[in-house]
Amino acid sequence: MAVLATALSRTYVSLLGRNVIDATGLTGAYDVHLKWAMDSLPAAAGPNATPPSDATGPSIFTALQEQLGLKLESTRGPVEVLVIDRVERPSEN
């Protein structure tokens, strides 16, 4: 489940608008097949990307709940942040 949450978070953060964190407590390996219709393609796909073949399927939220029995819940929590205080060019050796 952690791999699924990471994949959803990394690939579809623009679609979901949030990070996805695994809170299921499930630790086993699972082989899942999920079908849904994307409301819009991620920006990284570009203007020449082909739309999904099944544009009439359920939303990602409905598909997760109906096909896998999982529910995405919006909550607040800690987020990792990288802060860069200063940047310098490397010195010549």
PDB file of N, CA and C in Angstrom:
ATOM      1  N   MET A   1       0.814  -1.196   0.000  1.00  0.00           N
ATOM      2  CA  MET A   1       0.000   0.000   0.000  1.00  0.00           C
ATOM      3  C   MET A   1       0.859   1.263   0.000  1.00  0.00           C
ATOM      4  N   ALA A   2       2.023   1.175   0.636  1.00  0.00           N
ATOM      5  CA  ALA A   2       2.912   2.336   0.647  1.00  0.00           C
ATOM      6  C   ALA A   2       3.370   2.687  -0.764  1.00  0.00           C
ATOM      7  N   VAL A   3       3.601   1.670  -1.592  1.00  0.00           N
ATOM      8  CA  VAL A   3       4.021   1.905  -2.977  1.00  0.00           C
ATOM      9  C   VAL A   3       2.887   2.566  -3.762  1.00  0.00           C
ATOM     10  N   LEU A   4       1.657   2.123  -3.550  1.00  0.00           N
ATOM     11  CA  LEU A   4       0.505   2.731  -4.217  1.00  0.00           C
ATOM     12  C   LEU A   4       0.355   4.186  -3.793  1.00  0.00           C
ATOM     13  N   ALA A   5       0.477   4.460  -2.507  1.00  0.00           N
ATOM     14  CA  ALA A   5       0.360   5.833  -2.011  1.00  0.00           C
ATOM     15  C   ALA A   5       1.451   6.717  -2.597  1.00  0.00           C
ATOM     16  N   THR A   6       2.665   6.194  -2.668  1.00  0.00           N
ATOM     17  CA  THR A   6       3.775   6.957  -3.240  1.00  0.00           C
ATOM     18  C   THR A   6       3.537   7.223  -4.715  1.00  0.00           C
ATOM     19  N   ALA A   7       3.077   6.216  -5.443  1.00  0.00           N
ATOM     20  CA  ALA A   7       2.808   6.382  -6.875  1.00  0.00           C
ATOM     21  C   ALA A   7       1.711   7.416  -7.102  1.00  0.00           C
ATOM     22  N   LEU A   8       0.651   7.364  -6.325  1.00  0.00           N
ATOM     23  CA  LEU A   8      -0.423   8.346  -6.450  1.00  0.00           C
ATOM     24  C   LEU A   8       0.087   9.745  -6.125  1.00  0.00           C
ATOM     25  N   SER A   9       0.890   9.839  -5.089  1.00  0.00           N
ATOM     26  CA  SER A   9       1.404  11.136  -4.668  1.00  0.00           C
ATOM     27  C   SER A   9       2.348  11.730  -5.698  1.00  0.00           C
ATOM     28  N   ARG A  10       3.264  10.928  -6.222  1.00  0.00           N
ATOM     29  CA  ARG A  10       4.257  11.425  -7.177  1.00  0.00           C
ATOM     30  C   ARG A  10       3.663  11.695  -8.550  1.00  0.00           C
ATOM     31  N   THR A  11       2.876  10.784  -9.043  1.00  0.00           N
ATOM     32  CA  THR A  11       2.388  10.878 -10.409  1.00  0.00           C
ATOM     33  C   THR A  11       1.178  11.789 -10.531  1.00  0.00           C
ATOM     34  N   TYR A  12       0.310  11.790  -9.567  1.00  0.00           N
ATOM     35  CA  TYR A  12      -0.956  12.488  -9.709  1.00  0.00           C
ATOM     36  C   TYR A  12      -1.156  13.608  -8.701  1.00  0.00           C
ATOM     37  N   VAL A  13      -0.047  14.172  -8.190  1.00  0.00           N
ATOM     38  CA  VAL A  13      -0.199  15.263  -7.232  1.00  0.00           C
ATOM     39  C   VAL A  13      -0.927  16.438  -7.877  1.00  0.00           C
ATOM     40  N   SER A  14      -0.719  16.656  -9.185  1.00  0.00           N
ATOM     41  CA  SER A  14      -1.447  17.736  -9.853  1.00  0.00           C
ATOM     42  C   SER A  14      -2.927  17.393  -9.991  1.00  0.00           C
ATOM     43  N   LEU A  15      -3.236  16.116 -10.158  1.00  0.00           N
ATOM     44  CA  LEU A  15      -4.629  15.690 -10.275  1.00  0.00           C
ATOM     45  C   LEU A  15      -5.323  15.689  -8.913  1.00  0.00           C
ATOM     46  N   LEU A  16      -4.655  15.134  -7.909  1.00  0.00           N
ATOM     47  CA  LEU A  16      -5.240  15.039  -6.576  1.00  0.00           C
ATOM     48  C   LEU A  16      -5.076  16.332  -5.785  1.00  0.00           C
ATOM     49  N   GLY A  17      -4.007  17.066  -6.074  1.00  0.00           N
ATOM     50  CA  GLY A  17      -3.785  18.325  -5.375  1.00  0.00           C
ATOM     51  C   GLY A  17      -3.211  18.167  -3.986  1.00  0.00           C
ATOM     52  N   ARG A  18      -2.846  16.964  -3.609  1.00  0.00           N
ATOM     53  CA  ARG A  18      -2.332  16.713  -2.257  1.00  0.00           C
ATOM     54  C   ARG A  18      -1.364  15.543  -2.274  1.00  0.00           C
ATOM     55  N   ASN A  19      -0.556  15.456  -1.241  1.00  0.00           N
ATOM     56  CA  ASN A  19       0.279  14.279  -1.064  1.00  0.00           C
ATOM     57  C   ASN A  19      -0.595  13.133  -0.579  1.00  0.00           C
ATOM     58  N   VAL A  20      -0.228  11.920  -0.923  1.00  0.00           N
ATOM     59  CA  VAL A  20      -0.975  10.745  -0.490  1.00  0.00           C
ATOM     60  C   VAL A  20      -0.093   9.962   0.470  1.00  0.00           C
ATOM     61  N   ILE A  21      -0.603   9.701   1.667  1.00  0.00           N
ATOM     62  CA  ILE A  21       0.136   8.993   2.702  1.00  0.00           C
ATOM     63  C   ILE A  21      -0.609   7.712   3.032  1.00  0.00           C
ATOM     64  N   ASP A  22       0.119   6.604   3.099  1.00  0.00           N
ATOM     65  CA  ASP A  22      -0.481   5.308   3.435  1.00  0.00           C
ATOM     66  C   ASP A  22      -0.777   5.245   4.927  1.00  0.00           C
ATOM     67  N   ALA A  23      -2.041   5.166   5.273  1.00  0.00           N
ATOM     68  CA  ALA A  23      -2.451   5.026   6.666  1.00  0.00           C
ATOM     69  C   ALA A  23      -3.242   3.741   6.858  1.00  0.00           C
ATOM     70  N   THR A  24      -3.114   2.781   5.927  1.00  0.00           N
ATOM     71  CA  THR A  24      -3.887   1.547   6.003  1.00  0.00           C
ATOM     72  C   THR A  24      -3.354   0.587   7.048  1.00  0.00           C
ATOM     73  N   GLY A  25      -2.042   0.615   7.279  1.00  0.00           N
ATOM     74  CA  GLY A  25      -1.441  -0.344   8.191  1.00  0.00           C
ATOM     75  C   GLY A  25      -1.172  -1.682   7.521  1.00  0.00           C
ATOM     76  N   LEU A  26      -1.489  -1.813   6.236  1.00  0.00           N
ATOM     77  CA  LEU A  26      -1.252  -3.053   5.501  1.00  0.00           C
ATOM     78  C   LEU A  26       0.210  -3.106   5.057  1.00  0.00           C
ATOM     79  N   THR A  27       0.866  -4.241   5.287  1.00  0.00           N
ATOM     80  CA  THR A  27       2.290  -4.342   4.971  1.00  0.00           C
ATOM     81  C   THR A  27       2.597  -5.348   3.878  1.00  0.00           C
ATOM     82  N   GLY A  28       1.640  -6.129   3.458  1.00  0.00           N
ATOM     83  CA  GLY A  28       1.879  -7.147   2.439  1.00  0.00           C
ATOM     84  C   GLY A  28       2.043  -6.553   1.054  1.00  0.00           C
ATOM     85  N   ALA A  29       2.448  -7.407   0.114  1.00  0.00           N
ATOM     86  CA  ALA A  29       2.555  -7.002  -1.291  1.00  0.00           C
ATOM     87  C   ALA A  29       1.235  -7.322  -1.987  1.00  0.00           C
ATOM     88  N   TYR A  30       0.757  -6.389  -2.813  1.00  0.00           N
ATOM     89  CA  TYR A  30      -0.519  -6.552  -3.490  1.00  0.00           C
ATOM     90  C   TYR A  30      -0.347  -6.253  -4.973  1.00  0.00           C
ATOM     91  N   ASP A  31      -1.052  -7.001  -5.794  1.00  0.00           N
ATOM     92  CA  ASP A  31      -1.074  -6.762  -7.235  1.00  0.00           C
ATOM     93  C   ASP A  31      -2.431  -6.144  -7.539  1.00  0.00           C
ATOM     94  N   VAL A  32      -2.445  -4.852  -7.878  1.00  0.00           N
ATOM     95  CA  VAL A  32      -3.712  -4.163  -8.099  1.00  0.00           C
ATOM     96  C   VAL A  32      -3.835  -3.726  -9.550  1.00  0.00           C
ATOM     97  N   HIS A  33      -5.056  -3.688 -10.021  1.00  0.00           N
ATOM     98  CA  HIS A  33      -5.380  -3.181 -11.354  1.00  0.00           C
ATOM     99  C   HIS A  33      -6.513  -2.192 -11.160  1.00  0.00           C
ATOM    100  N   LEU A  34      -6.244  -0.947 -11.466  1.00  0.00           N
ATOM    101  CA  LEU A  34      -7.197   0.120 -11.199  1.00  0.00           C
ATOM    102  C   LEU A  34      -7.548   0.818 -12.501  1.00  0.00           C
ATOM    103  N   LYS A  35      -8.840   0.974 -12.775  1.00  0.00           N
ATOM    104  CA  LYS A  35      -9.297   1.668 -13.983  1.00  0.00           C
ATOM    105  C   LYS A  35     -10.087   2.896 -13.576  1.00  0.00           C
ATOM    106  N   TRP A  36      -9.710   4.051 -14.177  1.00  0.00           N
ATOM    107  CA  TRP A  36     -10.427   5.286 -13.933  1.00  0.00           C
ATOM    108  C   TRP A  36     -10.231   6.211 -15.122  1.00  0.00           C
ATOM    109  N   ALA A  37     -11.063   7.237 -15.199  1.00  0.00           N
ATOM    110  CA  ALA A  37     -10.941   8.241 -16.259  1.00  0.00           C
ATOM    111  C   ALA A  37     -10.293   9.468 -15.655  1.00  0.00           C
ATOM    112  N   MET A  38      -9.235   9.921 -16.292  1.00  0.00           N
ATOM    113  CA  MET A  38      -8.571  11.125 -15.800  1.00  0.00           C
ATOM    114  C   MET A  38      -9.371  12.335 -16.243  1.00  0.00           C
ATOM    115  N   ASP A  39      -9.672  13.228 -15.293  1.00  0.00           N
ATOM    116  CA  ASP A  39     -10.405  14.452 -15.625  1.00  0.00           C
ATOM    117  C   ASP A  39      -9.571  15.342 -16.533  1.00  0.00           C
ATOM    118  N   SER A  40      -8.260  15.384 -16.263  1.00  0.00           N
ATOM    119  CA  SER A  40      -7.345  16.142 -17.118  1.00  0.00           C
ATOM    120  C   SER A  40      -5.993  15.468 -17.043  1.00  0.00           C
ATOM    121  N   LEU A  41      -5.240  15.556 -18.128  1.00  0.00           N
ATOM    122  CA  LEU A  41      -3.916  14.958 -18.142  1.00  0.00           C
ATOM    123  C   LEU A  41      -2.966  15.797 -17.323  1.00  0.00           C
ATOM    124  N   PRO A  42      -2.001  15.189 -16.635  1.00  0.00           N
ATOM    125  CA  PRO A  42      -1.002  15.965 -15.919  1.00  0.00           C
ATOM    126  C   PRO A  42      -0.250  16.864 -16.896  1.00  0.00           C
ATOM    127  N   ALA A  43       0.208  18.011 -16.421  1.00  0.00           N
ATOM    128  CA  ALA A  43       0.905  18.974 -17.276  1.00  0.00           C
ATOM    129  C   ALA A  43       2.132  18.379 -17.932  1.00  0.00           C
ATOM    130  N   ALA A  44       2.790  17.431 -17.263  1.00  0.00           N
ATOM    131  CA  ALA A  44       4.004  16.827 -17.805  1.00  0.00           C
ATOM    132  C   ALA A  44       3.725  15.996 -19.049  1.00  0.00           C
ATOM    133  N   ALA A  45       2.468  15.627 -19.271  1.00  0.00           N
ATOM    134  CA  ALA A  45       2.141  14.799 -20.422  1.00  0.00           C
ATOM    135  C   ALA A  45       2.260  15.578 -21.722  1.00  0.00           C
ATOM    136  N   GLY A  46       2.090  16.870 -21.673  1.00  0.00           N
ATOM    137  CA  GLY A  46       2.273  17.705 -22.859  1.00  0.00           C
ATOM    138  C   GLY A  46       1.046  17.761 -23.741  1.00  0.00           C
ATOM    139  N   PRO A  47       1.054  18.694 -24.691  1.00  0.00           N
ATOM    140  CA  PRO A  47      -0.119  18.893 -25.544  1.00  0.00           C
ATOM    141  C   PRO A  47      -0.327  17.791 -26.566  1.00  0.00           C
ATOM    142  N   ASN A  48       0.705  17.017 -26.892  1.00  0.00           N
ATOM    143  CA  ASN A  48       0.587  15.967 -27.900  1.00  0.00           C
ATOM    144  C   ASN A  48       0.250  14.604 -27.316  1.00  0.00           C
ATOM    145  N   ALA A  49      -0.033  14.559 -26.016  1.00  0.00           N
ATOM    146  CA  ALA A  49      -0.330  13.284 -25.366  1.00  0.00           C
ATOM    147  C   ALA A  49      -1.694  12.775 -25.818  1.00  0.00           C
ATOM    148  N   THR A  50      -1.801  11.464 -25.921  1.00  0.00           N
ATOM    149  CA  THR A  50      -3.085  10.878 -26.290  1.00  0.00           C
ATOM    150  C   THR A  50      -3.938  10.707 -25.043  1.00  0.00           C
ATOM    151  N   PRO A  51      -5.218  11.027 -25.116  1.00  0.00           N
ATOM    152  CA  PRO A  51      -6.090  10.877 -23.958  1.00  0.00           C
ATOM    153  C   PRO A  51      -6.298   9.398 -23.646  1.00  0.00           C
ATOM    154  N   PRO A  52      -6.689   9.092 -22.405  1.00  0.00           N
ATOM    155  CA  PRO A  52      -6.927   7.699 -22.046  1.00  0.00           C
ATOM    156  C   PRO A  52      -8.024   7.104 -22.909  1.00  0.00           C
ATOM    157  N   SER A  53      -7.942   5.780 -23.151  1.00  0.00           N
ATOM    158  CA  SER A  53      -8.912   5.127 -24.024  1.00  0.00           C
ATOM    159  C   SER A  53     -10.313   5.097 -23.414  1.00  0.00           C
ATOM    160  N   ASP A  54     -10.420   4.988 -22.087  1.00  0.00           N
ATOM    161  CA  ASP A  54     -11.724   4.948 -21.428  1.00  0.00           C
ATOM    162  C   ASP A  54     -11.965   6.263 -20.712  1.00  0.00           C
ATOM    163  N   ALA A  55     -12.443   7.259 -21.437  1.00  0.00           N
ATOM    164  CA  ALA A  55     -12.665   8.573 -20.849  1.00  0.00           C
ATOM    165  C   ALA A  55     -13.989   8.653 -20.104  1.00  0.00           C
ATOM    166  N   THR A  56     -14.744   7.552 -20.042  1.00  0.00           N
ATOM    167  CA  THR A  56     -16.043   7.579 -19.376  1.00  0.00           C
ATOM    168  C   THR A  56     -16.034   6.817 -18.059  1.00  0.00           C
ATOM    169  N   GLY A  57     -14.885   6.409 -17.584  1.00  0.00           N
ATOM    170  CA  GLY A  57     -14.799   5.646 -16.337  1.00  0.00           C
ATOM    171  C   GLY A  57     -14.983   6.525 -15.115  1.00  0.00           C
ATOM    172  N   PRO A  58     -14.885   5.931 -13.931  1.00  0.00           N
ATOM    173  CA  PRO A  58     -15.062   6.680 -12.686  1.00  0.00           C
ATOM    174  C   PRO A  58     -13.857   7.572 -12.392  1.00  0.00           C
ATOM    175  N   SER A  59     -14.029   8.506 -11.468  1.00  0.00           N
ATOM    176  CA  SER A  59     -12.919   9.344 -11.034  1.00  0.00           C
ATOM    177  C   SER A  59     -11.944   8.483 -10.238  1.00  0.00           C
ATOM    178  N   ILE A  60     -10.745   8.995 -10.012  1.00  0.00           N
ATOM    179  CA  ILE A  60      -9.742   8.255  -9.236  1.00  0.00           C
ATOM    180  C   ILE A  60     -10.262   7.968  -7.831  1.00  0.00           C
ATOM    181  N   PHE A  61     -11.012   8.901  -7.249  1.00  0.00           N
ATOM    182  CA  PHE A  61     -11.548   8.725  -5.901  1.00  0.00           C
ATOM    183  C   PHE A  61     -12.570   7.587  -5.852  1.00  0.00           C
ATOM    184  N   THR A  62     -13.473   7.573  -6.828  1.00  0.00           N
ATOM    185  CA  THR A  62     -14.492   6.524  -6.908  1.00  0.00           C
ATOM    186  C   THR A  62     -13.849   5.178  -7.212  1.00  0.00           C
ATOM    187  N   ALA A  63     -12.888   5.157  -8.133  1.00  0.00           N
ATOM    188  CA  ALA A  63     -12.227   3.906  -8.512  1.00  0.00           C
ATOM    189  C   ALA A  63     -11.498   3.294  -7.322  1.00  0.00           C
ATOM    190  N   LEU A  64     -10.780   4.105  -6.560  1.00  0.00           N
ATOM    191  CA  LEU A  64     -10.073   3.581  -5.382  1.00  0.00           C
ATOM    192  C   LEU A  64     -11.053   2.969  -4.394  1.00  0.00           C
ATOM    193  N   GLN A  65     -12.176   3.628  -4.186  1.00  0.00           N
ATOM    194  CA  GLN A  65     -13.146   3.129  -3.210  1.00  0.00           C
ATOM    195  C   GLN A  65     -13.899   1.900  -3.714  1.00  0.00           C
ATOM    196  N   GLU A  66     -14.373   1.935  -4.950  1.00  0.00           N
ATOM    197  CA  GLU A  66     -15.178   0.832  -5.461  1.00  0.00           C
ATOM    198  C   GLU A  66     -14.344  -0.390  -5.855  1.00  0.00           C
ATOM    199  N   GLN A  67     -13.177  -0.172  -6.441  1.00  0.00           N
ATOM    200  CA  GLN A  67     -12.385  -1.288  -6.946  1.00  0.00           C
ATOM    201  C   GLN A  67     -11.409  -1.858  -5.922  1.00  0.00           C
ATOM    202  N   LEU A  68     -10.912  -1.021  -5.011  1.00  0.00           N
ATOM    203  CA  LEU A  68      -9.923  -1.493  -4.033  1.00  0.00           C
ATOM    204  C   LEU A  68     -10.404  -1.398  -2.594  1.00  0.00           C
ATOM    205  N   GLY A  69     -11.527  -0.737  -2.375  1.00  0.00           N
ATOM    206  CA  GLY A  69     -12.029  -0.589  -1.012  1.00  0.00           C
ATOM    207  C   GLY A  69     -11.227   0.410  -0.203  1.00  0.00           C
ATOM    208  N   LEU A  70     -10.544   1.330  -0.878  1.00  0.00           N
ATOM    209  CA  LEU A  70      -9.734   2.345  -0.208  1.00  0.00           C
ATOM    210  C   LEU A  70     -10.404   3.698  -0.348  1.00  0.00           C
ATOM    211  N   LYS A  71     -10.234   4.542   0.656  1.00  0.00           N
ATOM    212  CA  LYS A  71     -10.846   5.865   0.621  1.00  0.00           C
ATOM    213  C   LYS A  71      -9.775   6.912   0.889  1.00  0.00           C
ATOM    214  N   LEU A  72      -9.719   7.925   0.036  1.00  0.00           N
ATOM    215  CA  LEU A  72      -8.806   9.037   0.250  1.00  0.00           C
ATOM    216  C   LEU A  72      -9.490  10.036   1.167  1.00  0.00           C
ATOM    217  N   GLU A  73      -8.851  10.336   2.287  1.00  0.00           N
ATOM    218  CA  GLU A  73      -9.399  11.305   3.227  1.00  0.00           C
ATOM    219  C   GLU A  73      -8.438  12.471   3.351  1.00  0.00           C
ATOM    220  N   SER A  74      -8.964  13.674   3.299  1.00  0.00           N
ATOM    221  CA  SER A  74      -8.152  14.872   3.425  1.00  0.00           C
ATOM    222  C   SER A  74      -7.925  15.173   4.904  1.00  0.00           C
ATOM    223  N   THR A  75      -6.667  15.220   5.294  1.00  0.00           N
ATOM    224  CA  THR A  75      -6.311  15.554   6.675  1.00  0.00           C
ATOM    225  C   THR A  75      -5.100  16.469   6.663  1.00  0.00           C
ATOM    226  N   ARG A  76      -4.786  17.026   7.796  1.00  0.00           N
ATOM    227  CA  ARG A  76      -3.586  17.844   7.944  1.00  0.00           C
ATOM    228  C   ARG A  76      -2.530  17.014   8.661  1.00  0.00           C
ATOM    229  N   GLY A  77      -1.289  17.233   8.264  1.00  0.00           N
ATOM    230  CA  GLY A  77      -0.205  16.500   8.887  1.00  0.00           C
ATOM    231  C   GLY A  77       1.125  17.116   8.529  1.00  0.00           C
ATOM    232  N   PRO A  78       2.187  16.577   9.094  1.00  0.00           N
ATOM    233  CA  PRO A  78       3.522  17.115   8.817  1.00  0.00           C
ATOM    234  C   PRO A  78       3.929  16.854   7.371  1.00  0.00           C
ATOM    235  N   VAL A  79       4.662  17.787   6.815  1.00  0.00           N
ATOM    236  CA  VAL A  79       5.147  17.678   5.450  1.00  0.00           C
ATOM    237  C   VAL A  79       6.649  17.947   5.470  1.00  0.00           C
ATOM    238  N   GLU A  80       7.420  17.099   4.772  1.00  0.00           N
ATOM    239  CA  GLU A  80       8.855  17.316   4.692  1.00  0.00           C
ATOM    240  C   GLU A  80       9.135  18.503   3.780  1.00  0.00           C
ATOM    241  N   VAL A  81      10.037  19.380   4.221  1.00  0.00           N
ATOM    242  CA  VAL A  81      10.391  20.570   3.461  1.00  0.00           C
ATOM    243  C   VAL A  81      11.905  20.683   3.422  1.00  0.00           C
ATOM    244  N   LEU A  82      12.435  21.007   2.262  1.00  0.00           N
ATOM    245  CA  LEU A  82      13.868  21.235   2.105  1.00  0.00           C
ATOM    246  C   LEU A  82      14.087  22.731   1.996  1.00  0.00           C
ATOM    247  N   VAL A  83      14.890  23.290   2.907  1.00  0.00           N
ATOM    248  CA  VAL A  83      15.169  24.717   2.907  1.00  0.00           C
ATOM    249  C   VAL A  83      16.629  24.918   2.533  1.00  0.00           C
ATOM    250  N   ILE A  84      16.873  25.734   1.518  1.00  0.00           N
ATOM    251  CA  ILE A  84      18.234  26.054   1.094  1.00  0.00           C
ATOM    252  C   ILE A  84      18.529  27.470   1.564  1.00  0.00           C
ATOM    253  N   ASP A  85      19.474  27.597   2.511  1.00  0.00           N
ATOM    254  CA  ASP A  85      19.799  28.896   3.082  1.00  0.00           C
ATOM    255  C   ASP A  85      20.728  29.696   2.169  1.00  0.00           C
ATOM    256  N   ARG A  86      21.623  29.009   1.478  1.00  0.00           N
ATOM    257  CA  ARG A  86      22.627  29.728   0.701  1.00  0.00           C
ATOM    258  C   ARG A  86      23.162  28.844  -0.405  1.00  0.00           C
ATOM    259  N   VAL A  87      23.509  29.452  -1.548  1.00  0.00           N
ATOM    260  CA  VAL A  87      24.078  28.730  -2.671  1.00  0.00           C
ATOM    261  C   VAL A  87      25.325  29.477  -3.131  1.00  0.00           C
ATOM    262  N   GLU A  88      26.420  28.739  -3.330  1.00  0.00           N
ATOM    263  CA  GLU A  88      27.654  29.328  -3.834  1.00  0.00           C
ATOM    264  C   GLU A  88      28.206  28.457  -4.951  1.00  0.00           C
ATOM    265  N   ARG A  89      28.912  29.100  -5.879  1.00  0.00           N
ATOM    266  CA  ARG A  89      29.607  28.328  -6.913  1.00  0.00           C
ATOM    267  C   ARG A  89      30.770  27.605  -6.253  1.00  0.00           C
ATOM    268  N   PRO A  90      31.085  26.394  -6.735  1.00  0.00           N
ATOM    269  CA  PRO A  90      32.219  25.671  -6.164  1.00  0.00           C
ATOM    270  C   PRO A  90      33.533  26.395  -6.497  1.00  0.00           C
ATOM    271  N   SER A  91      34.477  26.298  -5.586  1.00  0.00           N
ATOM    272  CA  SER A  91      35.783  26.926  -5.822  1.00  0.00           C
ATOM    273  C   SER A  91      36.580  26.088  -6.804  1.00  0.00           C
ATOM    274  N   GLU A  92      37.471  26.751  -7.572  1.00  0.00           N
ATOM    275  CA  GLU A  92      38.306  26.029  -8.502  1.00  0.00           C
ATOM    276  C   GLU A  92      39.391  25.278  -7.757  1.00  0.00           C
ATOM    277  N   ASN A  93      39.714  24.078  -8.179  1.00  0.00           N
ATOM    278  CA  ASN A  93      40.724  23.272  -7.492  1.00  0.00           C
ATOM    279  C   ASN A  93      42.081  23.537  -8.025  1.00  0.00           C
TER     280      ASN A  93
END
